[in-house]
Protein backbone atom coordinates (compact mmCIF):
# COMPACT_ATOMS: atom_id res chain seq x y z
CA MET A 1 68.05 -34.43 -85.09
CA LYS A 2 69.09 -37.62 -86.85
CA THR A 3 66.54 -39.87 -88.53
CA ARG A 4 66.58 -43.35 -87.05
CA VAL A 5 66.31 -45.99 -89.77
CA LEU A 6 65.81 -49.65 -88.78
CA THR A 7 66.46 -52.55 -91.16
CA GLY A 8 65.58 -56.18 -90.42
CA ILE A 9 67.33 -59.10 -92.13
CA THR A 10 65.64 -62.53 -92.08
CA THR A 11 68.07 -65.38 -91.39
CA THR A 12 66.85 -68.20 -93.61
CA GLY A 13 69.30 -68.35 -96.50
CA THR A 14 72.68 -67.55 -98.03
CA PRO A 15 72.84 -64.10 -99.67
CA HIS A 16 73.35 -63.99 -103.45
CA LEU A 17 74.28 -61.22 -105.87
CA GLY A 18 70.68 -60.01 -106.15
CA ASN A 19 70.44 -59.60 -102.36
CA TYR A 20 73.63 -57.57 -102.39
CA ALA A 21 72.52 -55.20 -105.16
CA GLY A 22 68.91 -54.88 -104.02
CA ALA A 23 69.26 -54.64 -100.25
CA ILE A 24 72.75 -54.90 -98.75
CA ARG A 25 74.64 -52.35 -100.85
CA PRO A 26 71.99 -49.56 -100.76
CA ALA A 27 71.35 -50.04 -97.02
CA ILE A 28 75.05 -49.80 -96.17
CA GLU A 29 75.44 -46.71 -98.35
CA ALA A 30 72.42 -45.07 -96.69
CA SER A 31 73.82 -45.82 -93.22
CA ARG A 32 76.84 -43.64 -93.99
CA GLN A 33 74.77 -40.47 -94.34
CA PRO A 34 75.53 -38.03 -91.51
CA ASN A 35 71.85 -37.44 -90.69
CA VAL A 36 71.02 -41.16 -90.28
CA ASP A 37 71.07 -43.20 -87.06
CA ALA A 38 71.03 -46.72 -88.52
CA TYR A 39 69.93 -49.88 -86.72
CA PHE A 40 70.43 -53.27 -88.39
CA PHE A 41 69.21 -56.51 -86.84
CA MET A 42 69.09 -60.14 -87.84
CA ALA A 43 65.50 -61.26 -87.46
CA ASP A 44 66.21 -64.78 -86.25
CA TYR A 45 62.94 -65.09 -84.30
CA HIS A 46 61.10 -64.30 -87.53
CA ALA A 47 63.10 -67.01 -89.26
CA LEU A 48 61.43 -69.63 -87.04
CA ILE A 49 58.09 -68.80 -88.65
CA LYS A 50 59.37 -69.80 -92.08
CA CYS A 51 62.07 -72.38 -91.36
CA GLU A 52 61.98 -75.47 -89.15
CA ASP A 53 65.56 -76.50 -89.90
CA PRO A 54 67.72 -75.49 -86.89
CA ALA A 55 70.99 -76.07 -88.74
CA ARG A 56 69.91 -73.81 -91.60
CA VAL A 57 68.88 -71.02 -89.23
CA ALA A 58 72.15 -71.29 -87.29
CA ARG A 59 74.28 -71.32 -90.45
CA SER A 60 72.33 -68.46 -92.00
CA ARG A 61 72.85 -66.26 -88.93
CA LEU A 62 76.62 -66.58 -89.40
CA GLU A 63 76.58 -66.17 -93.19
CA ILE A 64 74.35 -63.12 -93.16
CA ALA A 65 76.29 -61.37 -90.40
CA ALA A 66 79.56 -62.07 -92.23
CA THR A 67 78.07 -60.83 -95.52
CA TRP A 68 76.96 -57.48 -94.13
CA LEU A 69 80.26 -56.97 -92.34
CA ALA A 70 82.24 -57.92 -95.44
CA GLY A 71 80.05 -55.59 -97.47
CA GLY A 72 81.31 -52.63 -95.46
CA LEU A 73 78.85 -52.18 -92.60
CA ASP A 74 80.60 -49.92 -90.07
CA VAL A 75 79.66 -51.25 -86.64
CA ASP A 76 81.23 -48.20 -84.99
CA LYS A 77 78.63 -45.98 -86.65
CA VAL A 78 75.55 -48.26 -86.69
CA THR A 79 73.86 -50.54 -84.17
CA PHE A 80 74.10 -54.16 -85.39
CA TYR A 81 72.53 -56.94 -83.33
CA ARG A 82 70.53 -60.17 -83.35
CA GLN A 83 66.87 -59.97 -82.47
CA SER A 84 67.21 -62.97 -80.14
CA ASP A 85 69.87 -61.16 -78.08
CA ILE A 86 67.37 -58.46 -77.02
CA PRO A 87 64.94 -60.17 -74.58
CA GLU A 88 63.01 -56.91 -74.17
CA ILE A 89 61.71 -57.32 -77.73
CA LEU A 90 59.70 -60.41 -76.81
CA GLU A 91 58.46 -58.76 -73.62
CA LEU A 92 57.33 -55.75 -75.63
CA CYS A 93 55.74 -58.10 -78.16
CA TRP A 94 53.51 -59.47 -75.39
CA LEU A 95 52.53 -56.01 -74.17
CA LEU A 96 51.61 -55.05 -77.73
CA THR A 97 49.78 -58.35 -78.27
CA CYS A 98 47.54 -57.48 -75.33
CA VAL A 99 46.36 -54.27 -77.00
CA THR A 100 46.17 -55.55 -80.60
CA PRO A 101 42.66 -56.38 -81.89
CA LYS A 102 42.38 -59.84 -83.41
CA GLY A 103 40.45 -58.29 -86.28
CA LEU A 104 43.56 -56.33 -87.24
CA MET A 105 45.57 -59.56 -87.49
CA ASN A 106 42.78 -61.19 -89.51
CA ARG A 107 43.47 -58.62 -92.23
CA ALA A 108 47.21 -59.34 -92.51
CA HIS A 109 48.12 -60.29 -96.09
CA ALA A 110 50.18 -63.37 -95.21
CA TYR A 111 47.42 -64.82 -93.03
CA LYS A 112 44.69 -64.05 -95.59
CA ALA A 113 46.77 -65.67 -98.33
CA SER A 114 47.08 -68.86 -96.26
CA VAL A 115 43.34 -68.89 -95.59
CA ASP A 116 42.58 -68.36 -99.29
CA GLN A 117 44.89 -71.22 -100.27
CA ASN A 118 43.28 -73.54 -97.74
CA THR A 119 39.81 -72.55 -98.89
CA ALA A 120 40.79 -73.31 -102.49
CA ARG A 121 42.04 -76.73 -101.34
CA GLN A 122 38.77 -77.24 -99.44
CA VAL A 123 40.50 -77.84 -96.10
CA ASP A 124 40.16 -76.08 -92.76
CA PRO A 125 40.85 -72.34 -93.32
CA ASP A 126 43.52 -72.36 -90.59
CA ASP A 127 45.21 -75.59 -91.67
CA GLY A 128 48.96 -75.21 -91.19
CA VAL A 129 48.65 -71.67 -89.78
CA THR A 130 50.77 -71.21 -86.66
CA MET A 131 50.38 -68.44 -84.13
CA GLY A 132 53.82 -67.28 -85.27
CA LEU A 133 52.48 -66.64 -88.77
CA PHE A 134 49.22 -65.16 -87.47
CA SER A 135 50.84 -62.71 -85.05
CA TYR A 136 53.96 -62.00 -87.13
CA PRO A 137 52.97 -58.30 -87.54
CA VAL A 138 52.98 -57.81 -83.75
CA LEU A 139 56.55 -59.09 -83.44
CA MET A 140 57.53 -56.85 -86.34
CA ALA A 141 55.88 -53.92 -84.53
CA ALA A 142 57.89 -54.75 -81.40
CA ASP A 143 61.13 -54.76 -83.43
CA ILE A 144 60.36 -51.29 -84.75
CA LEU A 145 58.80 -49.67 -81.68
CA MET A 146 61.44 -51.01 -79.28
CA PHE A 147 63.90 -48.52 -80.76
CA ASN A 148 61.38 -45.90 -81.94
CA ALA A 149 62.49 -46.00 -85.55
CA HIS A 150 61.36 -43.10 -87.69
CA LYS A 151 61.71 -44.95 -90.99
CA VAL A 152 61.78 -48.63 -91.95
CA PRO A 153 62.92 -49.64 -95.47
CA VAL A 154 60.45 -52.22 -96.77
CA GLY A 155 59.13 -53.63 -100.01
CA ARG A 156 55.59 -52.74 -101.01
CA ASP A 157 54.37 -56.10 -99.71
CA GLN A 158 55.45 -55.06 -96.20
CA VAL A 159 53.82 -51.60 -96.11
CA GLN A 160 50.71 -53.06 -94.46
CA HIS A 161 52.85 -54.27 -91.53
CA LEU A 162 54.16 -50.74 -91.00
CA GLU A 163 50.61 -49.43 -90.96
CA MET A 164 49.73 -52.07 -88.38
CA ALA A 165 52.73 -51.05 -86.26
CA ARG A 166 51.45 -47.47 -86.32
CA ASP A 167 47.95 -48.61 -85.29
CA ILE A 168 49.33 -50.68 -82.43
CA ALA A 169 51.61 -47.87 -81.25
CA GLN A 170 48.76 -45.37 -81.28
CA ARG A 171 46.52 -47.71 -79.32
CA PHE A 172 49.18 -48.32 -76.67
CA ASN A 173 49.94 -44.59 -76.40
CA HIS A 174 46.24 -43.87 -76.03
CA LEU A 175 45.62 -46.53 -73.38
CA TYR A 176 48.71 -46.03 -71.26
CA GLY A 177 50.36 -42.80 -72.28
CA GLN A 178 48.51 -40.43 -69.95
CA GLY A 179 49.66 -37.58 -72.18
CA LYS A 180 53.04 -39.18 -72.91
CA GLU A 181 53.87 -40.66 -76.30
CA PHE A 182 55.89 -43.81 -75.59
CA PHE A 183 56.23 -44.70 -79.25
CA VAL A 184 57.15 -42.76 -82.35
CA LEU A 185 54.83 -43.57 -85.27
CA PRO A 186 57.14 -45.18 -87.87
CA GLU A 187 56.96 -44.53 -91.59
CA ALA A 188 57.56 -47.03 -94.39
CA GLN A 189 60.45 -46.18 -96.69
CA VAL A 190 59.77 -47.75 -100.08
CA ASP A 191 62.50 -47.26 -102.67
CA ASP A 192 61.18 -48.06 -106.12
CA GLU A 193 64.62 -47.33 -107.59
CA VAL A 194 66.33 -50.21 -105.77
CA ALA A 195 67.98 -52.55 -108.25
CA THR A 196 66.12 -55.76 -109.05
CA LEU A 197 68.59 -57.97 -110.85
CA PRO A 198 67.59 -60.47 -113.50
CA GLY A 199 68.57 -64.03 -112.80
CA LEU A 200 70.17 -66.49 -115.19
CA ASP A 201 66.85 -67.01 -116.99
CA GLY A 202 65.76 -63.36 -117.03
CA ARG A 203 63.25 -63.65 -114.20
CA LYS A 204 63.94 -61.82 -110.94
CA MET A 205 67.02 -63.33 -109.30
CA SER A 206 65.64 -65.59 -106.58
CA LYS A 207 66.53 -68.88 -104.93
CA SER A 208 62.95 -70.00 -105.44
CA TYR A 209 63.63 -69.86 -109.21
CA ASP A 210 67.10 -71.45 -108.84
CA ASN A 211 68.50 -68.72 -111.10
CA THR A 212 70.93 -66.91 -108.79
CA ILE A 213 74.55 -65.83 -109.09
CA PRO A 214 76.41 -66.56 -105.84
CA LEU A 215 77.92 -63.62 -103.99
CA PHE A 216 80.64 -65.36 -101.95
CA GLU A 217 79.64 -69.02 -101.89
CA GLY A 218 81.95 -71.16 -104.03
CA GLY A 219 84.38 -68.33 -104.79
CA SER A 220 85.32 -66.99 -108.24
CA LYS A 221 84.81 -70.37 -109.88
CA ALA A 222 81.15 -70.61 -108.83
CA MET A 223 80.49 -67.04 -109.95
CA ARG A 224 82.07 -67.62 -113.38
CA GLN A 225 80.14 -70.87 -113.87
CA ALA A 226 76.84 -69.18 -113.00
CA ILE A 227 77.50 -66.26 -115.35
CA SER A 228 78.28 -68.69 -118.18
CA ARG A 229 74.73 -70.08 -117.84
CA ILE A 230 72.97 -66.72 -118.39
CA VAL A 231 70.39 -67.16 -121.15
CA THR A 232 71.12 -65.14 -124.32
CA ASP A 233 69.66 -64.99 -127.82
CA SER A 234 71.13 -66.86 -130.80
CA ARG A 235 72.95 -63.93 -132.42
CA GLN A 236 76.43 -64.90 -133.49
CA PRO A 237 79.76 -63.11 -132.92
CA GLY A 238 79.88 -60.03 -135.13
CA GLU A 239 76.11 -59.63 -135.20
CA PRO A 240 74.79 -56.52 -133.37
CA LYS A 241 73.14 -57.38 -130.04
CA ASP A 242 70.09 -55.70 -128.47
CA ALA A 243 71.84 -54.52 -125.29
CA GLU A 244 68.72 -53.14 -123.60
CA ALA A 245 67.00 -56.53 -123.91
CA SER A 246 70.04 -58.42 -122.67
CA HIS A 247 70.26 -59.88 -119.14
CA VAL A 248 74.05 -59.71 -119.42
CA TYR A 249 73.92 -55.94 -119.99
CA ALA A 250 71.35 -55.43 -117.21
CA LEU A 251 73.67 -57.14 -114.74
CA TYR A 252 76.73 -55.26 -116.00
CA ARG A 253 74.98 -51.88 -115.78
CA ALA A 254 73.93 -52.52 -112.15
CA PHE A 255 77.59 -52.57 -111.05
CA ALA A 256 79.46 -50.52 -113.64
CA THR A 257 80.18 -46.81 -113.79
CA SER A 258 78.22 -44.88 -116.42
CA SER A 259 81.25 -44.76 -118.74
CA GLN A 260 81.87 -48.51 -118.35
CA ALA A 261 78.21 -49.25 -119.06
CA SER A 262 78.20 -47.03 -122.17
CA ALA A 263 81.32 -48.71 -123.53
CA PHE A 264 79.91 -52.20 -122.86
CA LYS A 265 76.63 -51.32 -124.56
CA ALA A 266 78.47 -50.00 -127.61
CA ALA A 267 80.54 -53.19 -127.77
CA LEU A 268 77.42 -55.36 -127.69
CA GLU A 269 75.73 -53.30 -130.39
CA GLY A 270 78.95 -53.57 -132.38
CA GLY A 271 78.81 -57.37 -132.40
CA LEU A 272 80.67 -58.47 -129.23
CA ALA A 273 80.27 -62.24 -128.81
CA TRP A 274 78.11 -63.40 -125.90
CA GLY A 275 80.99 -65.47 -124.52
CA GLU A 276 83.24 -62.42 -124.44
CA ALA A 277 80.42 -60.34 -122.93
CA LYS A 278 79.95 -62.85 -120.13
CA GLU A 279 83.68 -62.89 -119.47
CA ALA A 280 83.65 -59.07 -119.26
CA LEU A 281 80.75 -59.26 -116.80
CA PHE A 282 82.63 -61.78 -114.68
CA ALA A 283 85.76 -59.61 -114.67
CA LEU A 284 83.77 -56.58 -113.53
CA LEU A 285 81.91 -58.45 -110.77
CA ASP A 286 84.90 -60.37 -109.52
CA ASP A 287 86.93 -57.18 -109.26
CA ILE A 288 84.22 -55.69 -107.02
CA VAL A 289 83.43 -58.80 -105.01
CA ALA A 290 86.90 -60.28 -104.49
CA PRO A 291 87.96 -57.97 -101.61
CA MET A 292 84.64 -58.54 -99.87
CA ARG A 293 84.92 -62.29 -100.48
CA ASP A 294 88.31 -62.35 -98.75
CA ARG A 295 86.91 -60.48 -95.74
CA TYR A 296 83.90 -62.86 -95.69
CA ALA A 297 86.15 -65.93 -95.67
CA GLN A 298 88.21 -64.47 -92.84
CA LEU A 299 85.07 -63.81 -90.77
CA MET A 300 83.56 -67.24 -91.44
CA ALA A 301 86.84 -68.85 -90.35
CA ASP A 302 86.61 -66.99 -87.03
CA PRO A 303 82.97 -67.14 -85.81
CA GLN A 304 83.97 -65.73 -82.43
CA GLN A 305 84.89 -62.48 -84.13
CA ILE A 306 81.34 -62.25 -85.51
CA GLU A 307 79.92 -63.15 -82.11
CA ASP A 308 81.94 -60.44 -80.37
CA ILE A 309 80.68 -57.82 -82.83
CA LEU A 310 77.07 -58.90 -82.39
CA GLN A 311 77.32 -59.00 -78.60
CA ALA A 312 78.77 -55.49 -78.57
CA GLY A 313 75.84 -54.36 -80.73
CA ALA A 314 73.37 -56.09 -78.44
CA ALA A 315 74.87 -54.42 -75.36
CA LYS A 316 74.52 -51.04 -77.07
CA ALA A 317 70.93 -51.76 -78.07
CA ARG A 318 69.95 -53.12 -74.65
CA ARG A 319 70.95 -49.92 -72.89
CA GLU A 320 68.04 -48.36 -74.73
CA SER A 321 65.60 -51.28 -74.72
CA ALA A 322 65.97 -51.90 -70.97
CA GLU A 323 65.28 -48.26 -70.17
CA LEU A 324 62.16 -48.17 -72.35
CA MET A 325 60.84 -51.47 -70.95
CA GLY A 326 61.21 -50.13 -67.42
CA ALA A 327 58.95 -47.21 -68.33
CA LEU A 328 56.48 -49.47 -70.14
CA ARG A 329 56.24 -51.94 -67.24
CA GLU A 330 55.39 -49.09 -64.91
CA ALA A 331 52.86 -47.68 -67.38
CA VAL A 332 50.89 -50.96 -67.57
CA GLY A 333 51.08 -51.60 -63.82
CA LEU A 334 53.93 -54.12 -63.70
CA ARG A 335 55.89 -52.21 -61.08
CA GLN A 336 58.41 -53.59 -58.64
CA PRO A 337 57.06 -53.90 -55.05
CA SER A 338 59.28 -51.01 -53.95
CA GLN A 339 57.79 -48.83 -56.67
CA VAL A 340 54.26 -49.74 -55.64
CA ALA A 341 55.00 -48.90 -52.00
CA ALA A 342 56.58 -45.60 -52.95
CA ALA A 343 53.66 -44.74 -55.19
CA SER A 344 51.11 -45.50 -52.47
CA LYS A 345 52.93 -43.24 -50.00
CA ALA A 346 53.50 -40.42 -52.43
CA LYS A 347 51.11 -37.51 -52.44
CA PRO A 348 48.99 -37.11 -55.55
CA LYS A 349 50.81 -35.03 -58.11
CA ALA A 350 49.56 -31.48 -58.27
CA GLY A 351 49.16 -29.45 -61.39
CA LYS A 352 48.03 -32.04 -63.92
CA THR A 353 47.63 -30.36 -67.27
CA ALA A 354 45.38 -30.68 -70.25
CA ARG A 355 46.58 -32.81 -73.16
CA LEU A 356 45.92 -33.59 -76.80
CA VAL A 357 45.58 -37.31 -77.53
CA SER A 358 45.60 -38.82 -81.04
CA PHE A 359 43.86 -42.06 -82.02
CA ARG A 360 42.61 -43.97 -85.03
CA GLU A 361 39.04 -45.05 -85.67
CA GLY A 362 38.47 -47.21 -88.70
CA GLU A 363 40.42 -45.69 -91.58
CA ARG A 364 40.37 -42.15 -90.15
CA PHE A 365 42.71 -40.35 -87.74
CA HIS A 366 41.39 -38.15 -84.93
CA PHE A 367 42.52 -36.37 -81.80
CA ARG A 368 40.78 -35.06 -78.69
CA LEU A 369 41.55 -32.32 -76.18
CA LEU A 370 41.26 -33.54 -72.60
CA SER A 371 41.08 -31.30 -69.54
CA ALA A 372 43.44 -31.74 -66.57
CA ASP A 373 40.89 -34.05 -64.93
CA GLY A 374 40.46 -36.13 -68.11
CA ALA A 375 37.18 -34.68 -69.39
CA GLN A 376 36.86 -34.36 -73.17
CA LEU A 377 36.70 -30.72 -74.28
CA LEU A 378 36.78 -31.20 -78.04
CA LEU A 379 36.87 -34.00 -80.60
CA SER A 380 38.44 -33.43 -84.01
CA GLU A 381 37.07 -34.34 -87.39
CA GLY A 382 38.50 -37.46 -89.04
CA PHE A 383 41.53 -37.09 -91.32
CA ASP A 384 42.92 -39.34 -94.03
CA ASP A 385 46.44 -39.59 -92.62
CA PRO A 386 48.15 -39.19 -89.22
CA LYS A 387 50.49 -36.51 -90.54
CA THR A 388 47.59 -34.12 -91.15
CA ALA A 389 46.17 -34.80 -87.69
CA GLY A 390 49.60 -34.18 -86.15
CA GLN A 391 50.06 -30.89 -88.00
CA LEU A 392 46.65 -29.64 -86.86
CA MET A 393 47.40 -30.64 -83.26
CA GLY A 394 50.60 -28.64 -83.55
CA ALA A 395 48.69 -25.62 -84.85
CA LEU A 396 46.37 -25.70 -81.81
CA LYS A 397 49.39 -25.78 -79.50
CA THR A 398 51.21 -22.90 -81.14
CA ARG A 399 48.64 -20.56 -82.67
CA SER A 400 46.10 -18.31 -81.00
CA LEU A 401 42.68 -19.96 -80.80
CA SER A 402 40.95 -16.63 -81.46
CA ASP A 403 42.61 -16.52 -84.89
CA LEU A 404 41.27 -19.98 -85.75
CA THR A 405 37.67 -19.85 -84.52
CA GLN A 406 34.41 -18.97 -86.26
CA ILE A 407 31.23 -18.70 -84.17
CA ASN A 408 27.80 -19.19 -85.67
CA ASN A 409 24.50 -19.86 -83.85
CA GLY A 410 26.20 -20.90 -80.61
CA GLN A 411 28.59 -23.31 -82.38
CA VAL A 412 32.36 -22.78 -82.54
CA SER A 413 34.22 -24.01 -85.62
CA VAL A 414 38.01 -24.27 -85.51
CA VAL A 415 39.60 -23.84 -88.95
CA VAL A 416 43.32 -24.01 -89.77
CA ASP A 417 44.23 -22.77 -93.25
CA THR A 418 40.75 -23.64 -94.64
CA GLN A 419 40.89 -27.11 -92.97
CA LEU A 420 37.99 -27.71 -90.55
CA VAL A 421 39.51 -29.12 -87.37
CA CYS A 422 36.51 -29.49 -85.07
CA ARG A 423 33.24 -28.03 -83.80
CA PHE A 424 32.05 -27.59 -80.22
CA PRO A 425 29.39 -25.57 -78.30
CA GLU A 426 30.23 -21.92 -77.62
CA SER A 427 29.59 -22.60 -73.92
CA GLU A 428 32.80 -24.69 -73.90
CA LEU A 429 34.95 -22.00 -75.52
CA GLU A 430 36.44 -20.62 -72.30
CA ALA A 431 37.40 -24.08 -71.04
CA VAL A 432 39.00 -24.95 -74.40
CA GLU A 433 40.94 -21.67 -74.42
CA GLN A 434 42.25 -22.29 -70.90
CA ALA A 435 43.27 -25.86 -71.72
CA LEU A 436 45.11 -24.83 -74.87
CA ALA A 437 46.79 -21.98 -73.00
CA SER A 438 48.13 -24.46 -70.45
CA LEU A 439 49.63 -26.54 -73.30
CA LYS A 440 51.47 -23.47 -74.62
CA GLN A 441 53.00 -22.92 -71.19
CA ASP A 442 54.38 -26.49 -70.93
């Protein structure tokens, strides 16, 4: 089975060289792996939380789509769409909002940071806080759960949002699943090896520092001018340079082959002038970027071509989102009148089976075994992570209960590979055995 990986791209700016090296290039390369089912979407609803300039949002949507396409994103192998073209995402967002505790949102880092800043300014704690900012993690959860992504590449500052998406998914599954897991529990994919390029002044390349090297904007001339402004030390031509401490070398190494990087380092340590080093960096980058820049210019000159690609991606995505939303509407009671009439006439389903249901309580993960009529037969211990709970649930479904039980003073303990799973009265043993046996038959 392929691993579904979902990547969101916020549409509030023009991509620069640091964005390409740190996010675009590695994501496109990862999408080419045969075991990956890659979804890429432009998070234009999220952009409205941060940007109130309609023209900037509209322009950014075009520029970012063109950048990813020019960078080599293969739309025949991935699903590429705009968030705003999938109306089911907002509908799902509302369903998830209705099961999300406010206390969970109170703990979101972005909201807490705003409250702390307001408190320091001695103004109302919620001054300037919109409901978009406050409930941002729910919309992010809807983006992920709509397509049941297994992994979501994020920075460490976004890991909390993935944990919240898992909490929300588990709560919805528990409330409405009736033994069915509507949502996969996503995992954060944090790559600490992703390149973080230095900007012109040595700090992380960022528009907020005004230290970026343009990717396509302004063409070769703008790239060369930016590279010429990279801060260097005062060592003169002929004097050995400290390559490892040089921003010029760090940028060169991020795009060069190992042999090219070694040769460039040796040249710097041999006294290569900074002007010549910057010209070598420009030559390397322009050689890589020029073909992509030409493709970008062609796409930007024909916005309809971009629109057609995105609409095709949206149609592909909606085939899945519409089907899931139909099941979710029925699960929460939002059936069509014809469905309600059919359900009222239908005979009660026979042969309901027992089921194992996972849930989270505080910081611990649990599961319970329910009988066919919904009575609780056993309640697990709490575990530190959902993976452990899932593995133990799997063991109960596949292994013989008699091999896992220890009975002492009328109390049954279930132990899997030295891990205590649960305890329950011996009087319940037969019912538990029968319930687990029915799971093995399903």
